Amino acid sequence: MATGGDQGGSIRIPAAACGIVGLKPTYGLVPYTGIMPIEFTLDHTGPMARTVHDTALMLEAIAGYDEGLDPRQPRDLKIPEYTALLTGKIENLKIGILKKGFGLESSEADVDKMVREAAEQLGSKCGAVVEEVSIPMHSDGLTIFGPILQIGGDRMMFEGAGFGTSANMYYDTTLQEAVTRGLKCHSNDLSKSCIFVRLIAKYLHEDYNSIFYGKAQNLGRALCKAYDEALQKYDVLILPTIPRKHQSSPKKTLP
């Protein structure tokens, strides 16, 4: 068992690639207290384990209200016994196969086929109701995510020494000091992709005063509403976690 942090897939993607279960919980269900934040509205932490049962068991242990130390959390959190919910039948459970999650430019046909077949077997063998569902705005998710991560992440993680400002929460000042020292003394050690994201964030913030951050957050609420409307009809939405099989690391050919 382990915990992971997930802003854009960092629990779900490695879990899918490694054949384990990774759960990105509902926002605020598990407190983010003491963990290095990236972007306040994207930060999630959750369990990773070998089985669904172990994942549910770990979620029972880590979910819950943290006495106001993490403002991402609602005060009225109610935590069920997740392991007890794993028993029983799924007859008449309504499952939506999300069409926009298949047939992408980066999709591999065998991955799409396997996920569809697994979903359909829940209907043919277990009695669930399985149908295709369309959420057109799903395709805009990555475009919406970009400015929030780039601008918000830069302001919070780099400019804000890991925690930013304007939130009444627990601040790990030891971690803030470590981040500050690292950026001052070892900024050249940042990866090229990290530097690239920072340059984009600087450009968007200085030339457009972070307007794109606000637009992205507004569109994000619209996207959430579209999912919520689909989940009024379906209990579960299914799509591939990643559209293609994990690629092995390239062989080192240079000294």
C-alpha atoms as a PDB file:
ATOM      1  CA  MET A   1       0.000   0.000   0.000  1.00  0.00           C
ATOM      2  CA  ALA A   2       1.082   3.577  -0.639  1.00  0.00           C
ATOM      3  CA  THR A   3      -0.343   7.055  -1.017  1.00  0.00           C
ATOM      4  CA  GLY A   4       0.052   9.179  -4.106  1.00  0.00           C
ATOM      5  CA  GLY A   5      -0.655  12.740  -5.160  1.00  0.00           C
ATOM      6  CA  ASP A   6      -2.866  13.305  -8.184  1.00  0.00           C
ATOM      7  CA  GLN A   7      -3.318  16.627  -9.969  1.00  0.00           C
ATOM      8  CA  GLY A   8      -3.484  15.381 -13.548  1.00  0.00           C
ATOM      9  CA  GLY A   9      -3.147  11.616 -13.278  1.00  0.00           C
ATOM     10  CA  SER A  10      -0.162  10.868 -11.041  1.00  0.00           C
ATOM     11  CA  ILE A  11      -2.025   8.199  -9.070  1.00  0.00           C
ATOM     12  CA  ARG A  12      -4.132   6.762 -11.874  1.00  0.00           C
ATOM     13  CA  ILE A  13      -1.615   6.654 -14.721  1.00  0.00           C
ATOM     14  CA  PRO A  14       1.231   4.783 -12.962  1.00  0.00           C
ATOM     15  CA  ALA A  15      -1.331   2.478 -11.351  1.00  0.00           C
ATOM     16  CA  ALA A  16      -2.734   1.608 -14.774  1.00  0.00           C
ATOM     17  CA  ALA A  17       0.761   1.107 -16.196  1.00  0.00           C
ATOM     18  CA  CYS A  18       1.801  -1.171 -13.307  1.00  0.00           C
ATOM     19  CA  GLY A  19      -1.368  -3.232 -12.996  1.00  0.00           C
ATOM     20  CA  ILE A  20      -2.408  -2.044  -9.534  1.00  0.00           C
ATOM     21  CA  VAL A  21      -5.410  -0.090  -8.235  1.00  0.00           C
ATOM     22  CA  GLY A  22      -5.029   3.662  -7.860  1.00  0.00           C
ATOM     23  CA  LEU A  23      -7.831   5.909  -6.635  1.00  0.00           C
ATOM     24  CA  LYS A  24      -8.073   9.674  -7.027  1.00  0.00           C
ATOM     25  CA  PRO A  25     -10.667  10.405  -4.309  1.00  0.00           C
ATOM     26  CA  THR A  26     -13.325  13.091  -4.377  1.00  0.00           C
ATOM     27  CA  TYR A  27     -11.745  16.518  -3.845  1.00  0.00           C
ATOM     28  CA  GLY A  28     -11.127  17.085  -0.147  1.00  0.00           C
ATOM     29  CA  LEU A  29     -12.118  13.581   0.969  1.00  0.00           C
ATOM     30  CA  VAL A  30      -8.543  12.840   2.054  1.00  0.00           C
ATOM     31  CA  PRO A  31      -6.723  15.766   3.729  1.00  0.00           C
ATOM     32  CA  TYR A  32      -3.710  17.145   1.869  1.00  0.00           C
ATOM     33  CA  THR A  33      -2.161  18.382   5.124  1.00  0.00           C
ATOM     34  CA  GLY A  34       1.635  18.375   5.126  1.00  0.00           C
ATOM     35  CA  ILE A  35       1.969  17.225   1.509  1.00  0.00           C
ATOM     36  CA  MET A  36       3.824  19.375  -1.015  1.00  0.00           C
ATOM     37  CA  PRO A  37       1.019  21.158  -2.926  1.00  0.00           C
ATOM     38  CA  ILE A  38       1.122  21.877  -6.639  1.00  0.00           C
ATOM     39  CA  GLU A  39      -2.128  23.772  -7.279  1.00  0.00           C
ATOM     40  CA  PHE A  40      -4.770  24.263  -4.622  1.00  0.00           C
ATOM     41  CA  THR A  41      -7.796  23.407  -6.755  1.00  0.00           C
ATOM     42  CA  LEU A  42      -6.122  20.380  -8.369  1.00  0.00           C
ATOM     43  CA  ASP A  43      -4.466  18.753  -5.350  1.00  0.00           C
ATOM     44  CA  HIS A  44      -5.734  15.266  -4.448  1.00  0.00           C
ATOM     45  CA  THR A  45      -4.107  12.497  -2.451  1.00  0.00           C
ATOM     46  CA  GLY A  46      -5.280   8.904  -2.352  1.00  0.00           C
ATOM     47  CA  PRO A  47      -4.443   5.220  -1.971  1.00  0.00           C
ATOM     48  CA  MET A  48      -2.557   2.860  -4.260  1.00  0.00           C
ATOM     49  CA  ALA A  49      -2.654  -0.884  -3.589  1.00  0.00           C
ATOM     50  CA  ARG A  50      -2.631  -4.322  -5.219  1.00  0.00           C
ATOM     51  CA  THR A  51      -6.378  -4.961  -4.899  1.00  0.00           C
ATOM     52  CA  VAL A  52      -9.651  -3.065  -4.762  1.00  0.00           C
ATOM     53  CA  HIS A  53     -10.219  -4.337  -1.208  1.00  0.00           C
ATOM     54  CA  ASP A  54      -6.836  -3.074  -0.009  1.00  0.00           C
ATOM     55  CA  THR A  55      -7.469   0.265  -1.692  1.00  0.00           C
ATOM     56  CA  ALA A  56     -10.852   0.591   0.020  1.00  0.00           C
ATOM     57  CA  LEU A  57      -9.331  -0.414   3.358  1.00  0.00           C
ATOM     58  CA  MET A  58      -6.635   2.223   3.057  1.00  0.00           C
ATOM     59  CA  LEU A  59      -9.180   4.864   2.058  1.00  0.00           C
ATOM     60  CA  GLU A  60     -11.096   4.127   5.257  1.00  0.00           C
ATOM     61  CA  ALA A  61      -7.916   4.849   7.205  1.00  0.00           C
ATOM     62  CA  ILE A  62      -6.864   8.099   5.527  1.00  0.00           C
ATOM     63  CA  ALA A  63     -10.172   9.785   4.617  1.00  0.00           C
ATOM     64  CA  GLY A  64     -11.801  12.241   6.975  1.00  0.00           C
ATOM     65  CA  TYR A  65     -11.870  15.807   8.234  1.00  0.00           C
ATOM     66  CA  ASP A  66      -8.540  17.184   9.483  1.00  0.00           C
ATOM     67  CA  GLU A  67      -9.872  19.719  11.988  1.00  0.00           C
ATOM     68  CA  GLY A  68      -9.675  22.650   9.588  1.00  0.00           C
ATOM     69  CA  LEU A  69      -5.995  22.254   8.704  1.00  0.00           C
ATOM     70  CA  ASP A  70      -6.866  21.696   5.031  1.00  0.00           C
ATOM     71  CA  PRO A  71      -9.434  24.162   3.609  1.00  0.00           C
ATOM     72  CA  ARG A  72      -9.944  21.896   0.601  1.00  0.00           C
ATOM     73  CA  GLN A  73     -12.190  19.834   2.880  1.00  0.00           C
ATOM     74  CA  PRO A  74     -15.871  20.390   3.697  1.00  0.00           C
ATOM     75  CA  ARG A  75     -16.651  20.339   7.415  1.00  0.00           C
ATOM     76  CA  ASP A  76     -19.480  17.810   7.120  1.00  0.00           C
ATOM     77  CA  LEU A  77     -17.473  14.902   5.686  1.00  0.00           C
ATOM     78  CA  LYS A  78     -19.082  11.532   6.277  1.00  0.00           C
ATOM     79  CA  ILE A  79     -16.870   8.493   5.712  1.00  0.00           C
ATOM     80  CA  PRO A  80     -18.652   5.186   5.019  1.00  0.00           C
ATOM     81  CA  GLU A  81     -17.166   1.752   5.577  1.00  0.00           C
ATOM     82  CA  TYR A  82     -15.856   1.386   2.030  1.00  0.00           C
ATOM     83  CA  THR A  83     -14.897  -2.283   2.368  1.00  0.00           C
ATOM     84  CA  ALA A  84     -18.484  -3.162   3.308  1.00  0.00           C
ATOM     85  CA  LEU A  85     -19.664  -1.615   0.030  1.00  0.00           C
ATOM     86  CA  LEU A  86     -17.642  -4.113  -2.020  1.00  0.00           C
ATOM     87  CA  THR A  87     -20.046  -6.986  -1.386  1.00  0.00           C
ATOM     88  CA  GLY A  88     -23.326  -7.643  -3.118  1.00  0.00           C
ATOM     89  CA  LYS A  89     -24.523  -7.777  -6.696  1.00  0.00           C
ATOM     90  CA  ILE A  90     -24.416  -5.109  -9.382  1.00  0.00           C
ATOM     91  CA  GLU A  91     -27.660  -6.039 -11.103  1.00  0.00           C
ATOM     92  CA  ASN A  92     -29.307  -2.951 -12.595  1.00  0.00           C
ATOM     93  CA  LEU A  93     -26.230  -0.811 -11.915  1.00  0.00           C
ATOM     94  CA  LYS A  94     -26.138   1.736 -14.740  1.00  0.00           C
ATOM     95  CA  ILE A  95     -22.779   1.965 -16.478  1.00  0.00           C
ATOM     96  CA  GLY A  96     -22.000   4.589 -19.103  1.00  0.00           C
ATOM     97  CA  ILE A  97     -19.231   3.911 -21.617  1.00  0.00           C
ATOM     98  CA  LEU A  98     -17.868   7.399 -22.284  1.00  0.00           C
ATOM     99  CA  LYS A  99     -17.584   7.649 -26.077  1.00  0.00           C
ATOM    100  CA  LYS A 100     -15.159  10.579 -26.032  1.00  0.00           C
ATOM    101  CA  GLY A 101     -12.667   8.434 -24.096  1.00  0.00           C
ATOM    102  CA  PHE A 102     -12.200   6.035 -27.020  1.00  0.00           C
ATOM    103  CA  GLY A 103     -10.821   6.360 -30.534  1.00  0.00           C
ATOM    104  CA  LEU A 104      -8.424   9.168 -29.727  1.00  0.00           C
ATOM    105  CA  GLU A 105      -5.524  10.026 -31.998  1.00  0.00           C
ATOM    106  CA  SER A 106      -3.227   8.460 -29.400  1.00  0.00           C
ATOM    107  CA  SER A 107      -5.470   5.441 -28.722  1.00  0.00           C
ATOM    108  CA  GLU A 108      -4.381   1.878 -29.388  1.00  0.00           C
ATOM    109  CA  ALA A 109      -7.168  -0.304 -30.755  1.00  0.00           C
ATOM    110  CA  ASP A 110      -6.466  -3.240 -28.450  1.00  0.00           C
ATOM    111  CA  VAL A 111      -6.690  -1.006 -25.367  1.00  0.00           C
ATOM    112  CA  ASP A 112     -10.048   0.387 -26.502  1.00  0.00           C
ATOM    113  CA  LYS A 113     -11.277  -3.127 -27.297  1.00  0.00           C
ATOM    114  CA  MET A 114     -10.243  -4.570 -23.930  1.00  0.00           C
ATOM    115  CA  VAL A 115     -11.892  -1.804 -21.910  1.00  0.00           C
ATOM    116  CA  ARG A 116     -15.120  -2.021 -23.912  1.00  0.00           C
ATOM    117  CA  GLU A 117     -15.250  -5.799 -23.569  1.00  0.00           C
ATOM    118  CA  ALA A 118     -14.664  -5.599 -19.815  1.00  0.00           C
ATOM    119  CA  ALA A 119     -17.488  -3.065 -19.464  1.00  0.00           C
ATOM    120  CA  GLU A 120     -19.844  -5.124 -21.615  1.00  0.00           C
ATOM    121  CA  GLN A 121     -19.149  -8.242 -19.533  1.00  0.00           C
ATOM    122  CA  LEU A 122     -20.435  -6.380 -16.497  1.00  0.00           C
ATOM    123  CA  GLY A 123     -23.720  -6.337 -18.366  1.00  0.00           C
ATOM    124  CA  SER A 124     -23.772  -9.797 -19.929  1.00  0.00           C
ATOM    125  CA  LYS A 125     -22.385 -11.672 -16.906  1.00  0.00           C
ATOM    126  CA  CYS A 126     -23.372  -9.527 -13.928  1.00  0.00           C
ATOM    127  CA  GLY A 127     -26.655  -7.941 -14.966  1.00  0.00           C
ATOM    128  CA  ALA A 128     -25.580  -4.306 -15.100  1.00  0.00           C
ATOM    129  CA  VAL A 129     -27.114  -1.935 -17.633  1.00  0.00           C
ATOM    130  CA  VAL A 130     -24.338  -0.853 -20.007  1.00  0.00           C
ATOM    131  CA  GLU A 131     -24.841   1.972 -22.515  1.00  0.00           C
ATOM    132  CA  GLU A 132     -22.762   4.486 -24.417  1.00  0.00           C
ATOM    133  CA  VAL A 133     -22.910   8.063 -23.164  1.00  0.00           C
ATOM    134  CA  SER A 134     -21.721  11.263 -24.824  1.00  0.00           C
ATOM    135  CA  ILE A 135     -20.159  14.171 -22.936  1.00  0.00           C
ATOM    136  CA  PRO A 136     -18.872  16.424 -25.756  1.00  0.00           C
ATOM    137  CA  MET A 137     -16.995  18.746 -23.397  1.00  0.00           C
ATOM    138  CA  HIS A 138     -14.865  15.835 -22.157  1.00  0.00           C
ATOM    139  CA  SER A 139     -12.501  16.496 -25.080  1.00  0.00           C
ATOM    140  CA  ASP A 140     -11.751  19.968 -23.689  1.00  0.00           C
ATOM    141  CA  GLY A 141     -10.518  18.676 -20.338  1.00  0.00           C
ATOM    142  CA  LEU A 142      -6.800  18.781 -21.070  1.00  0.00           C
ATOM    143  CA  THR A 143      -7.054  22.275 -22.565  1.00  0.00           C
ATOM    144  CA  ILE A 144      -8.857  23.474 -19.432  1.00  0.00           C
ATOM    145  CA  PHE A 145      -6.362  21.741 -17.163  1.00  0.00           C
ATOM    146  CA  GLY A 146      -3.293  23.367 -18.760  1.00  0.00           C
ATOM    147  CA  PRO A 147      -3.618  27.018 -17.623  1.00  0.00           C
ATOM    148  CA  ILE A 148      -4.740  25.978 -14.133  1.00  0.00           C
ATOM    149  CA  LEU A 149      -1.693  23.790 -13.636  1.00  0.00           C
ATOM    150  CA  GLN A 150       0.773  26.107 -15.365  1.00  0.00           C
ATOM    151  CA  ILE A 151      -0.274  29.458 -13.911  1.00  0.00           C
ATOM    152  CA  GLY A 152      -1.697  28.275 -10.599  1.00  0.00           C
ATOM    153  CA  GLY A 153       1.077  25.764 -10.033  1.00  0.00           C
ATOM    154  CA  ASP A 154       3.787  28.325 -10.721  1.00  0.00           C
ATOM    155  CA  ARG A 155       2.247  30.889  -8.370  1.00  0.00           C
ATOM    156  CA  MET A 156       1.728  28.375  -5.584  1.00  0.00           C
ATOM    157  CA  MET A 157       4.621  25.956  -5.882  1.00  0.00           C
ATOM    158  CA  PHE A 158       7.429  28.233  -7.034  1.00  0.00           C
ATOM    159  CA  GLU A 159       6.456  31.814  -6.220  1.00  0.00           C
ATOM    160  CA  GLY A 160       4.674  30.742  -3.037  1.00  0.00           C
ATOM    161  CA  ALA A 161       7.412  28.456  -1.671  1.00  0.00           C
ATOM    162  CA  GLY A 162       5.196  25.434  -2.073  1.00  0.00           C
ATOM    163  CA  PHE A 163       2.088  26.759  -0.343  1.00  0.00           C
ATOM    164  CA  GLY A 164       1.174  30.140  -1.795  1.00  0.00           C
ATOM    165  CA  THR A 165      -0.907  32.582   0.237  1.00  0.00           C
ATOM    166  CA  SER A 166      -4.516  33.563   0.974  1.00  0.00           C
ATOM    167  CA  ALA A 167      -5.558  30.231   2.484  1.00  0.00           C
ATOM    168  CA  ASN A 168      -6.251  29.593   6.160  1.00  0.00           C
ATOM    169  CA  MET A 169      -4.495  26.238   6.428  1.00  0.00           C
ATOM    170  CA  TYR A 170      -1.517  24.494   7.974  1.00  0.00           C
ATOM    171  CA  TYR A 171       1.748  25.771   6.474  1.00  0.00           C
ATOM    172  CA  ASP A 172       4.746  23.461   6.719  1.00  0.00           C
ATOM    173  CA  THR A 173       7.410  26.153   7.107  1.00  0.00           C
ATOM    174  CA  THR A 174      10.224  23.595   7.112  1.00  0.00           C
ATOM    175  CA  LEU A 175       9.098  22.460   3.671  1.00  0.00           C
ATOM    176  CA  GLN A 176       8.759  26.085   2.542  1.00  0.00           C
ATOM    177  CA  GLU A 177      12.339  26.769   3.624  1.00  0.00           C
ATOM    178  CA  ALA A 178      13.598  23.679   1.796  1.00  0.00           C
ATOM    179  CA  VAL A 179      11.782  24.672  -1.406  1.00  0.00           C
ATOM    180  CA  THR A 180      13.143  28.217  -1.183  1.00  0.00           C
ATOM    181  CA  ARG A 181      16.726  27.021  -0.658  1.00  0.00           C
ATOM    182  CA  GLY A 182      16.429  24.555  -3.497  1.00  0.00           C
ATOM    183  CA  LEU A 183      15.128  27.115  -5.970  1.00  0.00           C
ATOM    184  CA  LYS A 184      17.768  29.675  -4.999  1.00  0.00           C
ATOM    185  CA  CYS A 185      20.724  27.305  -5.033  1.00  0.00           C
ATOM    186  CA  HIS A 186      19.777  24.622  -7.542  1.00  0.00           C
ATOM    187  CA  SER A 187      17.330  26.144 -10.026  1.00  0.00           C
ATOM    188  CA  ASN A 188      19.531  24.912 -12.871  1.00  0.00           C
ATOM    189  CA  ASP A 189      18.708  21.361 -11.801  1.00  0.00           C
ATOM    190  CA  LEU A 190      15.036  21.757 -12.711  1.00  0.00           C
ATOM    191  CA  SER A 191      14.026  19.464 -15.559  1.00  0.00           C
ATOM    192  CA  LYS A 192      13.590  20.925 -19.029  1.00  0.00           C
ATOM    193  CA  SER A 193       9.863  20.200 -18.934  1.00  0.00           C
ATOM    194  CA  CYS A 194       9.531  22.022 -15.605  1.00  0.00           C
ATOM    195  CA  ILE A 195      11.439  25.029 -16.951  1.00  0.00           C
ATOM    196  CA  PHE A 196       9.226  25.005 -20.048  1.00  0.00           C
ATOM    197  CA  VAL A 197       6.061  25.063 -17.913  1.00  0.00           C
ATOM    198  CA  ARG A 198       7.468  27.912 -15.815  1.00  0.00           C
ATOM    199  CA  LEU A 199       8.238  29.951 -18.938  1.00  0.00           C
ATOM    200  CA  ILE A 200       4.684  29.456 -20.208  1.00  0.00           C
ATOM    201  CA  ALA A 201       3.305  30.473 -16.813  1.00  0.00           C
ATOM    202  CA  LYS A 202       5.469  33.602 -16.694  1.00  0.00           C
ATOM    203  CA  TYR A 203       4.388  34.625 -20.183  1.00  0.00           C
ATOM    204  CA  LEU A 204       0.686  34.086 -19.458  1.00  0.00           C
ATOM    205  CA  HIS A 205       0.874  35.881 -16.116  1.00  0.00           C
ATOM    206  CA  GLU A 206       2.960  38.864 -17.206  1.00  0.00           C
ATOM    207  CA  ASP A 207       1.329  39.454 -20.601  1.00  0.00           C
ATOM    208  CA  TYR A 208      -2.261  38.486 -19.775  1.00  0.00           C
ATOM    209  CA  ASN A 209      -2.347  38.959 -15.978  1.00  0.00           C
ATOM    210  CA  SER A 210      -3.529  35.367 -15.431  1.00  0.00           C
ATOM    211  CA  ILE A 211      -6.835  35.947 -17.246  1.00  0.00           C
ATOM    212  CA  PHE A 212      -6.519  32.498 -18.818  1.00  0.00           C
ATOM    213  CA  TYR A 213      -6.394  30.980 -15.332  1.00  0.00           C
ATOM    214  CA  GLY A 214      -9.770  32.515 -14.546  1.00  0.00           C
ATOM    215  CA  LYS A 215     -11.246  31.412 -17.871  1.00  0.00           C
ATOM    216  CA  ALA A 216      -9.997  27.870 -17.318  1.00  0.00           C
ATOM    217  CA  GLN A 217     -11.489  27.706 -13.825  1.00  0.00           C
ATOM    218  CA  ASN A 218     -14.858  28.885 -15.170  1.00  0.00           C
ATOM    219  CA  LEU A 219     -14.771  26.285 -17.938  1.00  0.00           C
ATOM    220  CA  GLY A 220     -13.740  23.678 -15.389  1.00  0.00           C
ATOM    221  CA  ARG A 221     -16.966  24.250 -13.474  1.00  0.00           C
ATOM    222  CA  ALA A 222     -18.925  23.799 -16.691  1.00  0.00           C
ATOM    223  CA  LEU A 223     -17.092  20.533 -17.348  1.00  0.00           C
ATOM    224  CA  CYS A 224     -17.845  19.310 -13.814  1.00  0.00           C
ATOM    225  CA  LYS A 225     -21.506  20.134 -14.376  1.00  0.00           C
ATOM    226  CA  ALA A 226     -21.502  18.051 -17.571  1.00  0.00           C
ATOM    227  CA  TYR A 227     -20.107  15.055 -15.682  1.00  0.00           C
ATOM    228  CA  ASP A 228     -22.574  15.573 -12.824  1.00  0.00           C
ATOM    229  CA  GLU A 229     -25.474  15.577 -15.278  1.00  0.00           C
ATOM    230  CA  ALA A 230     -24.275  12.288 -16.784  1.00  0.00           C
ATOM    231  CA  LEU A 231     -23.894  10.807 -13.307  1.00  0.00           C
ATOM    232  CA  GLN A 232     -27.525  11.641 -12.573  1.00  0.00           C
ATOM    233  CA  LYS A 233     -28.370   8.908 -15.086  1.00  0.00           C
ATOM    234  CA  TYR A 234     -25.403   6.558 -14.668  1.00  0.00           C
ATOM    235  CA  ASP A 235     -23.760   5.171 -11.548  1.00  0.00           C
ATOM    236  CA  VAL A 236     -20.380   4.741 -13.236  1.00  0.00           C
ATOM    237  CA  LEU A 237     -18.615   6.197 -16.276  1.00  0.00           C
ATOM    238  CA  ILE A 238     -15.997   3.976 -17.920  1.00  0.00           C
ATOM    239  CA  LEU A 239     -13.111   4.875 -20.223  1.00  0.00           C
ATOM    240  CA  PRO A 240      -9.444   3.868 -20.510  1.00  0.00           C
ATOM    241  CA  THR A 241      -7.225   5.451 -17.858  1.00  0.00           C
ATOM    242  CA  ILE A 242      -4.550   5.814 -20.518  1.00  0.00           C
ATOM    243  CA  PRO A 243      -5.290   5.266 -24.221  1.00  0.00           C
ATOM    244  CA  ARG A 244      -2.229   3.163 -24.985  1.00  0.00           C
ATOM    245  CA  LYS A 245      -0.030   0.557 -23.371  1.00  0.00           C
ATOM    246  CA  HIS A 246       2.873   1.694 -21.234  1.00  0.00           C
ATOM    247  CA  GLN A 247       6.098   2.054 -23.195  1.00  0.00           C
ATOM    248  CA  SER A 248       9.337   0.697 -21.785  1.00  0.00           C
ATOM    249  CA  SER A 249      12.207   3.097 -21.145  1.00  0.00           C
ATOM    250  CA  PRO A 250      14.399   3.697 -24.215  1.00  0.00           C
ATOM    251  CA  LYS A 251      17.802   2.094 -24.264  1.00  0.00           C
ATOM    252  CA  LYS A 252      20.663   4.379 -23.400  1.00  0.00           C
ATOM    253  CA  THR A 253      22.720   4.893 -26.545  1.00  0.00           C
ATOM    254  CA  LEU A 254      24.885   7.852 -25.528  1.00  0.00           C
ATOM    255  CA  PRO A 255      27.719   7.872 -22.963  1.00  0.00           C
END
